[in-house]
C-alpha cells in the first residue's frame, strides 16, 4: 500500500514539473510572438516617417498627427527594447551572447524628436511584467494610422495637385529652390533672398531676407516662417515691419514697405535660382528648432502658456502664428528716436523677435553695455521698449565712450532684443554691384577725397 502511494505521489510530481515546463514554454513563445508583432508594427511606422520625411507638408493638422505618431513610436521602441532584452538573454544563454536590435530609425531621429516626452501610456506599460496581446494591438492600431498618414500626406501634397499660389515663386519655394534677386531702385541697391527647407515634423520653413544699400547705409530684414501654398509672404513681412515700427513708436518705414510690395511684380524672380548654401539646411534646422522648439505651439489658442496667471506670450499676439523669427536693422535719426541731441545724428537700430522661443524657467530683462551685464525685474514688452529708449539716451549721449546699448527681453514663451548703436562712419559703405560680388572701393575713395 505504501509503495502505491509513493508511486502516485511521484507521478503527480513529474506531471506538475512537465506542466510547469510546458506553461513556461507557452509563455515564452507567446511573449516572443508579441515582441515580433510589436517589431513589425514599429517597422510600419518607420516606413511612414521615412516615406514622408522630405515631402512638403503644408497642413498643420498633418504636422500635429505626425507629432502624435512620433510620440507613440518613441513609446513603442522603448517598450520593445525593454522586452527584447530578457528574450535575448534567454535565447543566447548557452553561447553567452546578447543581441538587442534597437531601431535604427529611432536612433537617427531621437535628437530631432527630443521635445516629445513619454506619455502616461508608456508609464503604464513599463510597469507591466509581460507584453500582452492587447498592448501590441494598440501599436498595431498606430501602425494603421501611420499608413493612413502616408496616404493623406501624398494626397495633400501641394506639388501634386492644381493648387492656387498667391505668388509665382511660391511653387519653386515648396520645391526647395532658393532665390537671390538684386534690383536697383532710386539709387538704392536692393537684395531679396529666399531659402526654403523641408524639415521632418515641422513642414516647410523659409528664410526670407532683404537688404537695402543706400547713402553709405544698410537696412536689413530677416524673416523665418512656416510656409504653405497659401502663405502671403510679402504680407507677413509687411505686417512684421508695421508691428515693429508701432511697438517702438517709429516712422512707418514706408520706403521699405514700398519695396516689399514690389516683390510680387518681379515676375522674372523665378529665373533667379541660386544653389543652396553649404550646410545651410543643417544649420537652419538647428536654428529653427531653437527658436521654436514646438512647431505647433500657439497654433490653436493663439498664445503660449501663462506664468502665475499672467500671459507671458505677448510677442505671439504681435506677430502672426507662423512667424518663427523676425529681425530688422535700420538707421534712425536722433530726433526720430527722441534723443536730446543738438544734431540729427544717425543711430543704428537692431531689433529681433522670437515669438515662440522658450529656454528659460523664469522671465527676466537684461541690459548689456560694454562689459557690463545687469538684470532687471521682468516687465511687459512695452515697458522694456521704454526702458531701452530712456537708458540708451542716458548712456549713448551722456557717455560718449559708449558706442552700443542692448536690452534682452526673455519670457518663458517669447524672446526679444533691442540694440542701439552709434555707427562708425568709416565702416559704412554702399557696395557696388560687380557680377555676383560687391566691393566698397568707390565709396572709400569718395570719402578719402572729401
Protein backbone atom coordinates (compact mmCIF):
# COMPACT_ATOMS: atom_id res chain seq x y z
CA UNK A 1 0.00 0.00 0.00
CA UNK A 2 2.80 2.37 0.90
CA UNK A 3 4.52 1.64 -2.38
CA UNK A 4 1.39 2.56 -4.34
CA UNK A 5 1.06 5.91 -2.53
CA UNK A 6 4.71 6.68 -3.16
CA UNK A 7 4.34 5.85 -6.85
CA UNK A 8 1.23 8.05 -7.17
CA UNK A 9 2.94 10.98 -5.49
CA UNK A 10 5.96 10.59 -7.77
CA UNK A 11 3.76 10.59 -10.88
CA UNK A 12 1.93 13.72 -9.70
CA UNK A 13 5.25 15.45 -9.06
CA UNK A 14 6.55 14.58 -12.51
CA UNK A 15 3.25 15.76 -14.03
CA UNK A 16 3.48 19.11 -12.24
CA UNK A 17 7.07 19.56 -13.39
CA UNK A 18 6.16 18.86 -17.02
CA UNK A 19 3.09 21.13 -16.72
CA UNK A 20 5.23 23.93 -15.36
CA UNK A 21 7.80 23.49 -18.13
CA UNK A 22 5.05 23.45 -20.75
CA UNK A 23 3.49 26.61 -19.31
CA UNK A 24 6.82 28.40 -19.33
CA UNK A 25 7.45 27.34 -22.91
CA UNK A 26 4.00 28.57 -23.93
CA UNK A 27 4.55 31.88 -22.12
CA UNK A 28 7.94 32.29 -23.76
CA UNK A 29 6.50 31.54 -27.20
CA UNK A 30 3.62 33.93 -26.61
CA UNK A 31 6.00 36.68 -25.46
CA UNK A 32 8.27 36.14 -28.45
CA UNK A 33 5.25 36.29 -30.74
CA UNK A 34 4.09 39.57 -29.21
CA UNK A 35 7.60 41.03 -29.48
CA UNK A 36 7.67 40.16 -33.19
CA UNK A 37 4.23 41.73 -33.70
CA UNK A 38 5.35 44.91 -31.96
CA UNK A 39 8.54 44.99 -34.03
CA UNK A 40 6.53 44.71 -37.25
CA UNK A 41 4.14 47.46 -36.15
CA UNK A 42 7.05 49.79 -35.41
CA UNK A 43 8.68 48.99 -38.75
CA UNK A 44 5.45 50.06 -40.47
CA UNK A 45 5.59 53.35 -38.59
CA UNK A 46 9.25 53.76 -39.58
CA UNK A 47 8.26 53.39 -43.20
CA UNK A 48 5.64 56.11 -42.84
CA UNK A 49 8.17 58.53 -41.35
CA UNK A 50 10.81 57.73 -43.96
CA UNK A 51 8.32 57.98 -46.83
CA UNK A 52 7.11 61.45 -45.78
CA UNK A 53 10.38 62.85 -44.38
CA UNK A 54 11.14 65.09 -47.38
CA UNK A 55 7.62 65.73 -48.59
CA UNK A 56 6.42 69.37 -48.31
CA UNK A 57 3.73 69.03 -45.63
CA UNK A 58 1.83 72.32 -45.51
CA UNK A 59 -1.26 71.27 -43.49
CA UNK A 60 -0.93 71.95 -39.77
CA UNK A 61 -3.33 69.12 -38.98
CA UNK A 62 -0.92 66.66 -40.63
CA UNK A 63 2.00 68.05 -38.66
CA UNK A 64 0.00 67.56 -35.47
CA UNK A 65 -0.73 63.96 -36.46
CA UNK A 66 2.98 63.40 -37.19
CA UNK A 67 3.77 64.62 -33.69
CA UNK A 68 1.30 62.20 -32.10
CA UNK A 69 2.55 59.26 -34.18
CA UNK A 70 6.18 60.05 -33.36
CA UNK A 71 5.34 60.16 -29.65
CA UNK A 72 3.64 56.75 -29.92
CA UNK A 73 6.59 55.41 -31.92
CA UNK A 74 9.08 56.50 -29.26
CA UNK A 75 6.98 54.74 -26.63
CA UNK A 76 6.88 51.57 -28.72
CA UNK A 77 10.64 51.46 -29.24
CA UNK A 78 11.18 51.98 -25.52
CA UNK A 79 8.81 49.11 -24.77
CA UNK A 80 10.30 46.86 -27.46
CA UNK A 81 13.85 47.24 -26.18
CA UNK A 82 12.70 46.55 -22.64
CA UNK A 83 11.12 43.20 -23.58
CA UNK A 84 13.72 42.19 -26.12
CA UNK A 85 16.49 42.15 -23.55
CA UNK A 86 15.11 39.26 -21.45
CA UNK A 87 14.25 37.33 -24.62
CA UNK A 88 17.76 37.80 -25.94
CA UNK A 89 19.27 36.69 -22.65
CA UNK A 90 17.19 33.51 -22.69
CA UNK A 91 17.76 32.76 -26.37
CA UNK A 92 21.52 33.14 -26.17
CA UNK A 93 22.16 31.87 -22.68
CA UNK A 94 24.19 28.90 -23.93
CA UNK A 95 26.58 30.99 -26.01
CA UNK A 96 26.71 33.95 -23.65
CA UNK A 97 25.71 36.36 -26.44
CA UNK A 98 23.10 39.09 -26.05
CA UNK A 99 21.54 40.62 -29.13
CA UNK A 100 19.10 43.52 -28.79
CA UNK A 101 18.20 45.24 -32.06
CA UNK A 102 17.45 48.90 -31.38
CA UNK A 103 15.53 50.73 -34.04
CA UNK A 104 17.92 52.42 -36.46
CA UNK A 105 15.29 54.98 -37.36
CA UNK A 106 14.72 55.73 -33.69
CA UNK A 107 18.42 56.27 -33.10
CA UNK A 108 18.57 58.55 -36.14
CA UNK A 109 15.56 60.66 -35.19
CA UNK A 110 15.64 60.80 -31.39
CA UNK A 111 17.65 64.04 -31.38
CA UNK A 112 15.16 65.90 -33.54
CA UNK A 113 12.22 64.46 -31.60
CA UNK A 114 13.72 65.31 -28.22
CA UNK A 115 10.87 67.57 -27.25
CA UNK A 116 8.45 64.61 -27.26
CA UNK A 117 8.04 63.04 -23.83
CA UNK A 118 6.70 59.59 -23.00
CA UNK A 119 3.02 59.78 -22.17
CA UNK A 120 1.05 58.09 -19.44
CA UNK A 121 0.55 55.15 -21.80
CA UNK A 122 4.25 54.32 -21.68
CA UNK A 123 4.35 54.81 -17.91
CA UNK A 124 1.58 52.26 -17.50
CA UNK A 125 3.12 49.80 -19.94
CA UNK A 126 6.53 49.95 -18.30
CA UNK A 127 5.03 48.69 -15.04
CA UNK A 128 3.77 45.51 -16.70
CA UNK A 129 5.86 42.37 -16.40
CA UNK A 130 4.72 40.94 -19.73
CA UNK A 131 3.94 42.24 -23.18
CA UNK A 132 0.29 41.36 -23.66
CA UNK A 133 -1.53 40.91 -26.94
CA UNK A 134 -3.87 43.80 -26.11
CA UNK A 135 -0.93 46.14 -25.70
CA UNK A 136 0.50 45.08 -29.05
CA UNK A 137 -2.89 45.73 -30.64
CA UNK A 138 -2.64 49.37 -29.54
CA UNK A 139 0.57 49.82 -31.50
CA UNK A 140 -0.81 47.89 -34.47
CA UNK A 141 -3.59 50.49 -34.47
CA UNK A 142 -0.94 53.21 -34.52
CA UNK A 143 0.68 51.48 -37.49
CA UNK A 144 -2.67 51.52 -39.32
CA UNK A 145 -2.90 55.26 -38.59
CA UNK A 146 0.64 55.71 -39.94
CA UNK A 147 -0.38 54.01 -43.21
CA UNK A 148 -3.32 56.42 -43.48
CA UNK A 149 -0.97 59.30 -42.67
CA UNK A 150 1.19 58.49 -45.70
CA UNK A 151 -1.84 58.45 -47.97
CA UNK A 152 -3.12 61.76 -46.58
CA UNK A 153 0.28 63.45 -46.96
CA UNK A 154 0.55 62.29 -50.56
CA UNK A 155 -2.97 63.45 -51.44
CA UNK A 156 -2.44 66.82 -49.70
CA UNK A 157 0.94 67.50 -51.29
CA UNK A 158 0.58 70.93 -52.99
CA UNK A 159 3.02 69.97 -55.74
CA UNK A 160 0.89 67.02 -56.86
CA UNK A 161 -2.35 68.88 -57.47
CA UNK A 162 -3.65 72.03 -59.09
CA UNK A 163 -3.22 74.47 -56.23
CA UNK A 164 -3.54 78.24 -56.19
CA UNK A 165 -0.37 80.05 -55.13
CA UNK A 166 -0.51 83.75 -54.19
CA UNK A 167 2.83 84.46 -55.88
CA UNK A 168 4.54 82.77 -58.85
CA UNK A 169 7.63 81.87 -56.82
CA UNK A 170 5.83 80.01 -54.00
CA UNK A 171 5.72 76.78 -56.01
CA UNK A 172 9.50 76.97 -56.51
CA UNK A 173 9.97 77.53 -52.79
CA UNK A 174 7.89 74.45 -51.98
CA UNK A 175 10.11 72.55 -54.42
CA UNK A 176 13.13 73.56 -52.34
CA UNK A 177 14.53 76.21 -54.70
CA UNK A 178 16.39 79.23 -53.30
CA UNK A 179 16.47 82.75 -54.80
CA UNK A 180 18.74 85.77 -54.72
CA UNK A 181 17.38 88.73 -56.65
CA UNK A 182 19.24 92.08 -56.96
CA UNK A 183 17.50 95.24 -58.22
CA UNK A 184 18.32 98.95 -58.22
CA UNK A 185 15.60 101.36 -57.15
CA UNK A 186 16.07 105.13 -56.86
CA UNK A 187 19.80 104.96 -56.26
CA UNK A 188 19.50 102.08 -53.80
CA UNK A 189 20.69 98.54 -54.33
CA UNK A 190 18.12 96.02 -53.08
CA UNK A 191 18.76 92.34 -52.50
CA UNK A 192 15.93 89.87 -51.93
CA UNK A 193 16.72 86.32 -50.87
CA UNK A 194 14.54 83.28 -50.12
CA UNK A 195 15.81 79.96 -48.79
CA UNK A 196 13.27 77.17 -48.07
CA UNK A 197 13.91 73.96 -46.12
CA UNK A 198 11.72 70.88 -45.71
CA UNK A 199 12.04 69.68 -42.12
CA UNK A 200 10.53 66.44 -40.87
CA UNK A 201 7.80 67.10 -38.34
CA UNK A 202 7.94 70.85 -39.00
CA UNK A 203 6.78 71.08 -42.61
CA UNK A 204 8.27 73.66 -44.98
CA UNK A 205 10.01 76.64 -43.40
CA UNK A 206 11.55 79.53 -45.27
CA UNK A 207 14.13 82.20 -44.54
CA UNK A 208 13.25 85.48 -46.28
CA UNK A 209 15.84 88.24 -46.21
CA UNK A 210 16.05 91.75 -47.60
CA UNK A 211 18.95 94.21 -47.71
CA UNK A 212 18.94 97.80 -48.88
CA UNK A 213 22.19 99.64 -49.54
CA UNK A 214 21.87 103.42 -49.81
CA UNK A 215 23.83 106.58 -48.92
CA UNK A 216 26.58 104.62 -47.17
CA UNK A 217 23.99 102.84 -45.03
CA UNK A 218 22.45 99.40 -44.87
CA UNK A 219 18.94 98.38 -43.83
CA UNK A 220 18.11 94.75 -43.42
CA UNK A 221 15.22 92.40 -42.68
CA UNK A 222 15.22 88.71 -41.83
CA UNK A 223 12.04 86.67 -41.55
CA UNK A 224 11.73 82.95 -40.74
CA UNK A 225 8.27 81.43 -41.06
CA UNK A 226 6.37 78.23 -41.71
CA UNK A 227 5.32 78.10 -45.35
CA UNK A 228 2.20 76.79 -47.07
CA UNK A 229 0.78 77.17 -50.56
CA UNK A 230 -1.47 79.99 -49.33
CA UNK A 231 1.12 81.92 -47.32
CA UNK A 232 1.21 85.63 -48.10
CA UNK A 233 4.96 86.04 -47.72
CA UNK A 234 5.03 89.72 -48.64
CA UNK A 235 2.01 90.47 -46.46
CA UNK A 236 3.61 88.68 -43.50
CA UNK A 237 6.85 90.66 -43.92
CA UNK A 238 4.98 93.97 -44.16
CA UNK A 239 2.88 93.08 -41.10
CA UNK A 240 6.09 92.39 -39.12
CA UNK A 241 7.61 95.72 -40.16
CA UNK A 242 4.48 97.61 -39.12
CA UNK A 243 4.26 95.77 -35.79
CA UNK A 244 7.91 96.57 -35.08
CA UNK A 245 7.51 100.26 -36.01
CA UNK A 246 4.34 100.61 -33.96
CA UNK A 247 5.88 98.92 -30.91
CA UNK A 248 8.90 101.23 -30.95
CA UNK A 249 6.86 104.31 -31.92
CA UNK A 250 8.97 104.88 -35.04
CA UNK A 251 8.06 106.15 -38.52
CA UNK A 252 6.14 103.59 -40.55
CA UNK A 253 9.17 102.59 -42.70
CA UNK A 254 7.19 103.37 -45.85
CA UNK A 255 10.24 103.10 -48.12
CA UNK A 256 10.94 99.50 -47.11
CA UNK A 257 7.25 98.59 -47.20
CA UNK A 258 7.07 100.08 -50.69
CA UNK A 259 9.97 97.91 -51.84
CA UNK A 260 8.38 94.80 -50.35
CA UNK A 261 5.11 95.50 -52.15
CA UNK A 262 7.00 95.40 -55.45
CA UNK A 263 8.18 91.85 -54.85
CA UNK A 264 5.09 90.15 -56.33
CA UNK A 265 5.61 92.20 -59.52
CA UNK A 266 9.09 90.78 -60.08
CA UNK A 267 7.89 88.05 -62.41
CA UNK A 268 11.40 87.10 -63.53
CA UNK A 269 12.35 86.22 -59.96
CA UNK A 270 11.55 82.59 -60.85
CA UNK A 271 14.65 82.63 -63.08
CA UNK A 272 16.91 83.87 -60.29
CA UNK A 273 17.54 80.43 -58.87
CA UNK A 274 20.50 80.16 -56.52
CA UNK A 275 22.05 76.91 -55.27
CA UNK A 276 21.59 76.27 -51.54
CA UNK A 277 24.39 77.38 -49.28
CA UNK A 278 26.82 74.83 -47.89
CA UNK A 279 25.44 73.23 -44.70
CA UNK A 280 22.52 75.67 -44.81
CA UNK A 281 19.84 73.03 -44.24
CA UNK A 282 21.54 71.56 -41.17
CA UNK A 283 22.28 74.97 -39.66
CA UNK A 284 18.78 76.20 -40.43
CA UNK A 285 17.20 73.16 -38.77
CA UNK A 286 19.22 73.76 -35.60
CA UNK A 287 18.35 77.47 -35.59
CA UNK A 288 14.65 76.95 -36.25
CA UNK A 289 14.31 74.26 -33.59
CA UNK A 290 15.97 76.54 -31.06
CA UNK A 291 13.73 79.47 -31.94
CA UNK A 292 10.54 77.41 -31.84
CA UNK A 293 11.07 74.04 -30.11
CA UNK A 294 7.45 73.01 -30.60
CA UNK A 295 6.43 73.96 -34.16
CA UNK A 296 2.73 73.74 -33.24
CA UNK A 297 2.71 75.80 -30.06
CA UNK A 298 0.12 78.60 -30.08
CA UNK A 299 -1.42 77.21 -33.26
CA UNK A 300 -4.83 76.65 -31.71
CA UNK A 301 -5.15 79.15 -28.89
CA UNK A 302 -3.09 81.99 -30.35
CA UNK A 303 -0.83 82.36 -27.33
CA UNK A 304 1.58 80.42 -25.20
CA UNK A 305 1.46 79.24 -21.59
CA UNK A 306 0.73 81.59 -18.72
CA UNK A 307 3.00 82.18 -15.76
CA UNK A 308 1.47 82.93 -12.36
CA UNK A 309 -1.78 83.81 -14.08
CA UNK A 310 -0.12 86.41 -16.31
CA UNK A 311 0.09 85.95 -20.04
CA UNK A 312 3.77 85.65 -20.92
CA UNK A 313 3.43 85.37 -24.68
CA UNK A 314 2.97 88.97 -25.74
CA UNK A 315 5.01 88.54 -28.91
CA UNK A 316 2.70 85.84 -30.24
CA UNK A 317 -0.06 88.47 -30.24
CA UNK A 318 2.10 91.00 -32.07
CA UNK A 319 3.12 88.60 -34.85
CA UNK A 320 1.25 86.06 -36.94
CA UNK A 321 1.29 82.49 -35.64
CA UNK A 322 3.51 81.11 -38.43
CA UNK A 323 6.28 83.64 -37.70
CA UNK A 324 9.30 81.90 -36.13
CA UNK A 325 11.74 84.82 -36.09
CA UNK A 326 11.85 88.42 -37.28
CA UNK A 327 14.76 90.86 -37.11
CA UNK A 328 15.17 94.33 -38.51
CA UNK A 329 18.11 96.71 -38.84
CA UNK A 330 17.74 100.33 -39.85
CA UNK A 331 19.06 103.82 -39.26
CA UNK A 332 17.03 106.33 -37.31
CA UNK A 333 17.85 109.93 -36.59
CA UNK A 334 18.39 111.12 -33.05
CA UNK A 335 15.31 113.30 -33.43
CA UNK A 336 13.17 110.33 -34.53
CA UNK A 337 14.42 108.40 -31.54
CA UNK A 338 13.73 111.37 -29.23
CA UNK A 339 17.36 111.73 -28.21
CA UNK A 340 18.34 115.16 -26.83
CA UNK A 341 20.99 115.70 -29.48
CA UNK A 342 21.96 119.06 -30.91
CA UNK A 343 22.36 117.43 -34.33
CA UNK A 344 20.29 114.99 -36.29
CA UNK A 345 22.80 112.23 -35.58
CA UNK A 346 22.15 108.84 -37.17
CA UNK A 347 21.84 105.81 -34.92
CA UNK A 348 21.68 102.20 -35.96
CA UNK A 349 18.76 100.27 -34.50
CA UNK A 350 18.81 96.45 -34.47
CA UNK A 351 15.84 94.52 -33.12
CA UNK A 352 14.92 90.83 -33.07
CA UNK A 353 11.79 88.92 -32.06
CA UNK A 354 11.34 85.20 -31.40
CA UNK A 355 7.64 84.89 -30.54
CA UNK A 356 7.83 81.21 -29.58
CA UNK A 357 11.28 80.76 -28.06
CA UNK A 358 11.40 79.39 -24.55
CA UNK A 359 14.63 78.17 -22.99
CA UNK A 360 14.35 79.71 -19.53
CA UNK A 361 12.38 78.64 -16.46
CA UNK A 362 11.97 82.28 -15.41
CA UNK A 363 11.29 85.54 -17.21
CA UNK A 364 13.76 88.40 -16.99
CA UNK A 365 15.10 91.56 -18.61
CA UNK A 366 18.84 92.06 -19.01
CA UNK A 367 20.95 95.01 -20.07
CA UNK A 368 24.29 94.71 -21.86
CA UNK A 369 26.66 97.65 -22.25
CA UNK A 370 30.35 97.29 -22.95
CA UNK A 371 31.48 94.60 -20.48
CA UNK A 372 28.58 95.11 -18.06
CA UNK A 373 25.58 92.78 -17.87
CA UNK A 374 22.77 93.61 -15.44
CA UNK A 375 19.37 92.02 -14.73
CA UNK A 376 16.14 93.92 -14.13
CA UNK A 377 12.66 92.92 -12.94
CA UNK A 378 10.57 91.42 -15.71
CA UNK A 379 8.01 93.71 -17.32
CA UNK A 380 5.87 93.91 -20.42
CA UNK A 381 7.41 94.30 -23.85
CA UNK A 382 6.19 97.91 -23.97
CA UNK A 383 7.87 98.67 -20.62
CA UNK A 384 11.09 97.15 -21.92
CA UNK A 385 10.96 99.33 -25.05
CA UNK A 386 10.53 102.42 -22.84
CA UNK A 387 13.48 101.29 -20.73
CA UNK A 388 15.61 100.81 -23.83
CA UNK A 389 14.78 104.29 -25.08
CA UNK A 390 15.39 106.13 -21.81
CA UNK A 391 18.56 104.31 -20.75
CA UNK A 392 20.10 104.42 -24.23
CA UNK A 393 19.67 108.20 -24.05
CA UNK A 394 21.45 108.20 -20.71
CA UNK A 395 24.43 106.16 -21.88
CA UNK A 396 24.86 106.93 -25.59
CA UNK A 397 24.51 110.70 -25.10
CA UNK A 398 25.75 111.09 -21.54
CA UNK A 399 28.78 108.86 -22.01
CA UNK A 400 30.40 109.44 -25.44
CA UNK A 401 32.73 106.46 -24.99
CA UNK A 402 29.72 104.11 -25.01
CA UNK A 403 29.04 103.02 -28.60
CA UNK A 404 26.25 100.46 -28.17
CA UNK A 405 23.48 99.59 -25.76
CA UNK A 406 21.44 96.35 -25.77
CA UNK A 407 18.43 95.10 -23.82
CA UNK A 408 17.24 91.47 -23.82
CA UNK A 409 13.62 90.61 -23.01
CA UNK A 410 13.31 86.92 -22.11
CA UNK A 411 9.92 85.49 -21.20
CA UNK A 412 9.16 81.83 -20.76
CA UNK A 413 7.41 81.99 -24.10
CA UNK A 414 8.96 84.56 -26.42
CA UNK A 415 12.24 86.48 -26.60
CA UNK A 416 13.26 89.87 -28.00
CA UNK A 417 16.32 92.11 -28.11
CA UNK A 418 16.82 95.82 -28.80
CA UNK A 419 20.18 97.31 -29.70
CA UNK A 420 21.01 100.98 -30.29
CA UNK A 421 24.42 101.65 -31.85
CA UNK A 422 26.43 104.71 -32.72
CA UNK A 423 27.69 103.62 -36.15
CA UNK A 424 31.30 104.07 -37.13
CA UNK A 425 31.15 106.24 -40.21
CA UNK A 426 34.37 104.83 -41.61
CA UNK A 427 32.85 101.34 -41.63
CA UNK A 428 29.66 102.21 -43.53
CA UNK A 429 29.75 101.84 -47.27
CA UNK A 430 27.48 101.25 -50.22
CA UNK A 431 28.51 98.05 -52.05
CA UNK A 432 28.79 98.36 -55.78
CA UNK A 433 27.45 95.57 -57.91
CA UNK A 434 30.08 93.71 -59.91
CA UNK A 435 28.56 90.48 -61.16
CA UNK A 436 27.65 88.48 -58.09
CA UNK A 437 30.17 90.27 -55.84
CA UNK A 438 30.19 93.69 -54.25
CA UNK A 439 33.04 95.96 -53.22
CA UNK A 440 33.40 99.24 -51.39
CA UNK A 441 36.41 100.74 -53.14
CA UNK A 442 34.49 103.56 -54.82
CA UNK A 443 32.79 104.55 -51.56
CA UNK A 444 36.09 104.51 -49.68
CA UNK A 445 37.75 106.62 -52.39
CA UNK A 446 34.88 109.08 -52.26
CA UNK A 447 35.27 109.51 -48.50
CA UNK A 448 39.03 109.95 -48.92
CA UNK A 449 38.55 112.71 -51.50
CA UNK A 450 36.10 114.50 -49.24
